[in-house]
């Protein structure tokens, strides 16, 4: 059974750093897999991706999957693996913009993810932005995105063993305990 952790927080709050730290400290793990949902469509994003690759180091293998996250998790699964998904927010953006899915179809993909997690053998660490703390967006697509992100975070929080909120680099356990 999968031991899963959802890490939420704002942009540049320290979510990924915490996720990497938890993965490196995972007892008995002999395989670290970074499942990247970002795509490099411009120079600034290519620089961000290179920076993240440098943070991970050589122990990590990377699986790039912008759309089929459930399939990527199944492909990388294994009993002594740690799978780090970074990030769910970009995955949702890809589903809504690149794949052109409507909110209902996006929610269905989130449900598929929630249903798949308990069947995995690996430890899974999921990183997502908490986007609902700001102002109400001024357009329908942005509001639909915000709503889908909030609904996905809520659904995952129900099925994950641990849920951690990160603000200013400080983790706060919302569900379960902070791993030591």
C-alpha atoms as a PDB file:
ATOM      1  CA  UNK A   1       0.000   0.000   0.000  1.00  0.00           C
ATOM      2  CA  UNK A   2       1.224   3.433  -0.947  1.00  0.00           C
ATOM      3  CA  UNK A   3       2.337   5.834   1.767  1.00  0.00           C
ATOM      4  CA  UNK A   4       1.400   9.208   0.346  1.00  0.00           C
ATOM      5  CA  UNK A   5       2.143  12.805   1.295  1.00  0.00           C
ATOM      6  CA  UNK A   6       0.531  15.905  -0.177  1.00  0.00           C
ATOM      7  CA  UNK A   7       2.574  19.090   0.179  1.00  0.00           C
ATOM      8  CA  UNK A   8       0.670  22.332  -0.361  1.00  0.00           C
ATOM      9  CA  UNK A   9       1.820  25.933  -0.321  1.00  0.00           C
ATOM     10  CA  UNK A  10       2.171  29.115  -2.285  1.00  0.00           C
ATOM     11  CA  UNK A  11       4.651  29.775  -5.073  1.00  0.00           C
ATOM     12  CA  UNK A  12       8.272  29.666  -3.869  1.00  0.00           C
ATOM     13  CA  UNK A  13       7.126  28.685  -0.351  1.00  0.00           C
ATOM     14  CA  UNK A  14       9.581  25.779  -0.025  1.00  0.00           C
ATOM     15  CA  UNK A  15       7.318  22.926  -1.144  1.00  0.00           C
ATOM     16  CA  UNK A  16       9.780  21.269  -3.507  1.00  0.00           C
ATOM     17  CA  UNK A  17      12.707  21.620  -1.103  1.00  0.00           C
ATOM     18  CA  UNK A  18      10.666  19.867   1.590  1.00  0.00           C
ATOM     19  CA  UNK A  19       9.561  17.162  -0.863  1.00  0.00           C
ATOM     20  CA  UNK A  20      13.154  16.482  -1.898  1.00  0.00           C
ATOM     21  CA  UNK A  21      14.254  16.343   1.733  1.00  0.00           C
ATOM     22  CA  UNK A  22      11.492  13.860   2.614  1.00  0.00           C
ATOM     23  CA  UNK A  23      12.388  11.698  -0.388  1.00  0.00           C
ATOM     24  CA  UNK A  24      16.091  11.646   0.485  1.00  0.00           C
ATOM     25  CA  UNK A  25      15.277  10.639   4.063  1.00  0.00           C
ATOM     26  CA  UNK A  26      12.820   7.880   3.102  1.00  0.00           C
ATOM     27  CA  UNK A  27      13.865   4.711   4.868  1.00  0.00           C
ATOM     28  CA  UNK A  28      14.514   1.725   2.610  1.00  0.00           C
ATOM     29  CA  UNK A  29      14.158   3.646  -0.641  1.00  0.00           C
ATOM     30  CA  UNK A  30      16.577   2.585  -3.351  1.00  0.00           C
ATOM     31  CA  UNK A  31      14.981   4.388  -6.297  1.00  0.00           C
ATOM     32  CA  UNK A  32      14.032   8.062  -6.487  1.00  0.00           C
ATOM     33  CA  UNK A  33      11.824   9.109  -9.412  1.00  0.00           C
ATOM     34  CA  UNK A  34      10.894  12.716 -10.121  1.00  0.00           C
ATOM     35  CA  UNK A  35       7.708  12.919 -12.173  1.00  0.00           C
ATOM     36  CA  UNK A  36       7.790  16.305 -13.862  1.00  0.00           C
ATOM     37  CA  UNK A  37       4.607  17.844 -15.224  1.00  0.00           C
ATOM     38  CA  UNK A  38       6.211  21.107 -16.428  1.00  0.00           C
ATOM     39  CA  UNK A  39       7.014  21.755 -20.051  1.00  0.00           C
ATOM     40  CA  UNK A  40       9.710  24.087 -21.339  1.00  0.00           C
ATOM     41  CA  UNK A  41       7.872  26.389 -23.727  1.00  0.00           C
ATOM     42  CA  UNK A  42      10.210  29.361 -23.202  1.00  0.00           C
ATOM     43  CA  UNK A  43      13.719  30.232 -21.986  1.00  0.00           C
ATOM     44  CA  UNK A  44      12.591  31.223 -18.496  1.00  0.00           C
ATOM     45  CA  UNK A  45      10.892  27.845 -17.976  1.00  0.00           C
ATOM     46  CA  UNK A  46      13.927  26.003 -19.381  1.00  0.00           C
ATOM     47  CA  UNK A  47      16.062  27.791 -16.755  1.00  0.00           C
ATOM     48  CA  UNK A  48      13.631  26.813 -13.984  1.00  0.00           C
ATOM     49  CA  UNK A  49      13.719  23.179 -15.106  1.00  0.00           C
ATOM     50  CA  UNK A  50      17.556  23.158 -15.187  1.00  0.00           C
ATOM     51  CA  UNK A  51      17.606  24.662 -11.687  1.00  0.00           C
ATOM     52  CA  UNK A  52      15.265  21.940 -10.374  1.00  0.00           C
ATOM     53  CA  UNK A  53      17.362  19.248 -12.068  1.00  0.00           C
ATOM     54  CA  UNK A  54      20.458  20.612 -10.326  1.00  0.00           C
ATOM     55  CA  UNK A  55      18.676  20.555  -6.958  1.00  0.00           C
ATOM     56  CA  UNK A  56      17.825  16.869  -7.360  1.00  0.00           C
ATOM     57  CA  UNK A  57      21.240  15.545  -8.222  1.00  0.00           C
ATOM     58  CA  UNK A  58      22.335  12.260  -9.809  1.00  0.00           C
ATOM     59  CA  UNK A  59      20.365   9.836  -7.569  1.00  0.00           C
ATOM     60  CA  UNK A  60      17.163  10.825  -9.308  1.00  0.00           C
ATOM     61  CA  UNK A  61      15.667   9.561 -12.515  1.00  0.00           C
ATOM     62  CA  UNK A  62      13.186  11.861 -14.212  1.00  0.00           C
ATOM     63  CA  UNK A  63       9.954  10.924 -15.921  1.00  0.00           C
ATOM     64  CA  UNK A  64       8.381  13.808 -17.838  1.00  0.00           C
ATOM     65  CA  UNK A  65       4.620  13.490 -18.141  1.00  0.00           C
ATOM     66  CA  UNK A  66       2.481  16.590 -18.619  1.00  0.00           C
ATOM     67  CA  UNK A  67      -0.888  14.826 -19.054  1.00  0.00           C
ATOM     68  CA  UNK A  68      -1.045  11.128 -18.067  1.00  0.00           C
ATOM     69  CA  UNK A  69      -0.023  11.401 -14.435  1.00  0.00           C
ATOM     70  CA  UNK A  70      -1.808   8.226 -13.323  1.00  0.00           C
ATOM     71  CA  UNK A  71      -0.055   6.294 -16.083  1.00  0.00           C
ATOM     72  CA  UNK A  72       3.327   7.764 -15.121  1.00  0.00           C
ATOM     73  CA  UNK A  73       2.829   6.727 -11.487  1.00  0.00           C
ATOM     74  CA  UNK A  74       1.924   3.183 -12.552  1.00  0.00           C
ATOM     75  CA  UNK A  75       4.958   3.035 -14.849  1.00  0.00           C
ATOM     76  CA  UNK A  76       7.390   4.179 -12.132  1.00  0.00           C
ATOM     77  CA  UNK A  77       5.816   2.212  -9.264  1.00  0.00           C
ATOM     78  CA  UNK A  78       7.805  -0.231  -7.169  1.00  0.00           C
ATOM     79  CA  UNK A  79       8.042  -1.316  -3.536  1.00  0.00           C
ATOM     80  CA  UNK A  80      11.333   0.454  -2.771  1.00  0.00           C
ATOM     81  CA  UNK A  81      10.695   3.576  -4.820  1.00  0.00           C
ATOM     82  CA  UNK A  82       9.847   7.138  -3.886  1.00  0.00           C
ATOM     83  CA  UNK A  83       7.866   8.968  -6.552  1.00  0.00           C
ATOM     84  CA  UNK A  84       7.824  12.765  -6.320  1.00  0.00           C
ATOM     85  CA  UNK A  85       5.216  14.515  -8.472  1.00  0.00           C
ATOM     86  CA  UNK A  86       6.047  18.176  -9.083  1.00  0.00           C
ATOM     87  CA  UNK A  87       3.606  19.652  -9.595  1.00  0.00           C
ATOM     88  CA  UNK A  88      -0.111  18.981  -9.646  1.00  0.00           C
ATOM     89  CA  UNK A  89      -0.909  22.613 -10.369  1.00  0.00           C
ATOM     90  CA  UNK A  90       0.970  22.526 -13.673  1.00  0.00           C
ATOM     91  CA  UNK A  91      -0.662  19.175 -14.455  1.00  0.00           C
ATOM     92  CA  UNK A  92      -4.093  20.791 -14.058  1.00  0.00           C
ATOM     93  CA  UNK A  93      -3.008  23.700 -16.229  1.00  0.00           C
ATOM     94  CA  UNK A  94      -1.837  21.255 -18.913  1.00  0.00           C
ATOM     95  CA  UNK A  95      -5.135  19.372 -18.780  1.00  0.00           C
ATOM     96  CA  UNK A  96      -7.175  22.558 -19.118  1.00  0.00           C
ATOM     97  CA  UNK A  97      -5.080  24.375 -21.715  1.00  0.00           C
ATOM     98  CA  UNK A  98      -3.019  21.854 -23.683  1.00  0.00           C
ATOM     99  CA  UNK A  99      -5.555  18.997 -23.606  1.00  0.00           C
ATOM    100  CA  UNK A 100      -8.516  21.385 -23.624  1.00  0.00           C
ATOM    101  CA  UNK A 101     -10.452  19.485 -20.957  1.00  0.00           C
ATOM    102  CA  UNK A 102     -13.494  21.074 -19.332  1.00  0.00           C
ATOM    103  CA  UNK A 103     -13.788  21.228 -15.536  1.00  0.00           C
ATOM    104  CA  UNK A 104     -15.814  18.003 -15.290  1.00  0.00           C
ATOM    105  CA  UNK A 105     -13.226  16.021 -17.245  1.00  0.00           C
ATOM    106  CA  UNK A 106     -10.426  17.545 -15.151  1.00  0.00           C
ATOM    107  CA  UNK A 107     -12.233  16.487 -11.953  1.00  0.00           C
ATOM    108  CA  UNK A 108     -12.569  12.967 -13.389  1.00  0.00           C
ATOM    109  CA  UNK A 109      -8.803  12.815 -14.001  1.00  0.00           C
ATOM    110  CA  UNK A 110      -8.250  13.961 -10.411  1.00  0.00           C
ATOM    111  CA  UNK A 111     -10.581  11.198  -9.188  1.00  0.00           C
ATOM    112  CA  UNK A 112      -8.589   8.653 -11.226  1.00  0.00           C
ATOM    113  CA  UNK A 113      -5.449   9.856  -9.457  1.00  0.00           C
ATOM    114  CA  UNK A 114      -7.100   9.595  -6.031  1.00  0.00           C
ATOM    115  CA  UNK A 115      -8.293   6.058  -6.796  1.00  0.00           C
ATOM    116  CA  UNK A 116      -4.877   4.966  -8.100  1.00  0.00           C
ATOM    117  CA  UNK A 117      -2.811   6.142  -5.102  1.00  0.00           C
ATOM    118  CA  UNK A 118      -3.831   3.452  -2.577  1.00  0.00           C
ATOM    119  CA  UNK A 119      -2.910   0.682  -5.038  1.00  0.00           C
ATOM    120  CA  UNK A 120       0.671   1.865  -5.561  1.00  0.00           C
ATOM    121  CA  UNK A 121       3.585   0.169  -3.804  1.00  0.00           C
ATOM    122  CA  UNK A 122       5.903   3.186  -3.845  1.00  0.00           C
ATOM    123  CA  UNK A 123       5.906   6.117  -1.486  1.00  0.00           C
ATOM    124  CA  UNK A 124       4.366   9.056  -3.284  1.00  0.00           C
ATOM    125  CA  UNK A 125       5.008  12.722  -2.558  1.00  0.00           C
ATOM    126  CA  UNK A 126       2.691  15.130  -4.364  1.00  0.00           C
ATOM    127  CA  UNK A 127       3.440  18.852  -4.629  1.00  0.00           C
ATOM    128  CA  UNK A 128       0.675  21.369  -5.343  1.00  0.00           C
ATOM    129  CA  UNK A 129       0.103  25.088  -5.060  1.00  0.00           C
ATOM    130  CA  UNK A 130      -2.614  26.302  -2.733  1.00  0.00           C
ATOM    131  CA  UNK A 131      -4.203  28.790  -5.106  1.00  0.00           C
ATOM    132  CA  UNK A 132      -7.386  29.649  -3.233  1.00  0.00           C
ATOM    133  CA  UNK A 133      -5.887  32.119  -0.776  1.00  0.00           C
ATOM    134  CA  UNK A 134      -5.796  35.081  -3.154  1.00  0.00           C
ATOM    135  CA  UNK A 135      -8.295  37.274  -4.916  1.00  0.00           C
ATOM    136  CA  UNK A 136     -11.104  35.973  -7.109  1.00  0.00           C
ATOM    137  CA  UNK A 137      -9.734  35.798 -10.676  1.00  0.00           C
ATOM    138  CA  UNK A 138     -11.245  38.134 -13.248  1.00  0.00           C
ATOM    139  CA  UNK A 139     -11.942  35.583 -15.995  1.00  0.00           C
ATOM    140  CA  UNK A 140     -13.837  32.317 -16.341  1.00  0.00           C
ATOM    141  CA  UNK A 141     -10.834  30.122 -17.227  1.00  0.00           C
ATOM    142  CA  UNK A 142      -8.833  31.342 -14.240  1.00  0.00           C
ATOM    143  CA  UNK A 143     -11.814  30.828 -11.919  1.00  0.00           C
ATOM    144  CA  UNK A 144     -12.377  27.316 -13.294  1.00  0.00           C
ATOM    145  CA  UNK A 145      -8.670  26.557 -12.792  1.00  0.00           C
ATOM    146  CA  UNK A 146      -8.760  27.841  -9.214  1.00  0.00           C
ATOM    147  CA  UNK A 147     -11.870  25.762  -8.503  1.00  0.00           C
ATOM    148  CA  UNK A 148     -10.370  22.591 -10.031  1.00  0.00           C
ATOM    149  CA  UNK A 149      -7.149  23.065  -8.059  1.00  0.00           C
ATOM    150  CA  UNK A 150      -9.053  23.492  -4.799  1.00  0.00           C
ATOM    151  CA  UNK A 151     -11.235  20.464  -5.504  1.00  0.00           C
ATOM    152  CA  UNK A 152      -8.205  18.317  -6.392  1.00  0.00           C
ATOM    153  CA  UNK A 153      -6.345  19.380  -3.254  1.00  0.00           C
ATOM    154  CA  UNK A 154      -9.383  18.511  -1.122  1.00  0.00           C
ATOM    155  CA  UNK A 155      -9.840  15.107  -2.779  1.00  0.00           C
ATOM    156  CA  UNK A 156      -6.153  14.239  -2.407  1.00  0.00           C
ATOM    157  CA  UNK A 157      -6.120  15.410   1.211  1.00  0.00           C
ATOM    158  CA  UNK A 158      -8.773  12.794   1.949  1.00  0.00           C
ATOM    159  CA  UNK A 159      -6.755   9.891   0.519  1.00  0.00           C
ATOM    160  CA  UNK A 160      -3.194  10.918   1.445  1.00  0.00           C
ATOM    161  CA  UNK A 161      -1.705   9.768   4.736  1.00  0.00           C
ATOM    162  CA  UNK A 162       0.037  13.075   5.375  1.00  0.00           C
ATOM    163  CA  UNK A 163      -0.896  16.589   4.279  1.00  0.00           C
ATOM    164  CA  UNK A 164       1.621  19.368   4.883  1.00  0.00           C
ATOM    165  CA  UNK A 165       1.205  23.095   4.315  1.00  0.00           C
ATOM    166  CA  UNK A 166       4.414  25.051   3.699  1.00  0.00           C
ATOM    167  CA  UNK A 167       4.623  28.808   4.236  1.00  0.00           C
ATOM    168  CA  UNK A 168       7.898  30.768   4.253  1.00  0.00           C
ATOM    169  CA  UNK A 169       9.792  27.480   4.226  1.00  0.00           C
ATOM    170  CA  UNK A 170       8.099  26.276   7.406  1.00  0.00           C
ATOM    171  CA  UNK A 171       6.059  23.049   7.269  1.00  0.00           C
ATOM    172  CA  UNK A 172       2.831  22.606   9.186  1.00  0.00           C
ATOM    173  CA  UNK A 173       1.184  19.194   9.398  1.00  0.00           C
ATOM    174  CA  UNK A 174      -2.496  19.452   8.499  1.00  0.00           C
ATOM    175  CA  UNK A 175      -3.044  15.680   8.525  1.00  0.00           C
ATOM    176  CA  UNK A 176      -0.754  13.013   9.942  1.00  0.00           C
ATOM    177  CA  UNK A 177       2.604  14.057  11.271  1.00  0.00           C
ATOM    178  CA  UNK A 178       5.609  15.822   9.930  1.00  0.00           C
ATOM    179  CA  UNK A 179       8.067  13.088   8.954  1.00  0.00           C
ATOM    180  CA  UNK A 180      11.237  13.313  11.023  1.00  0.00           C
END
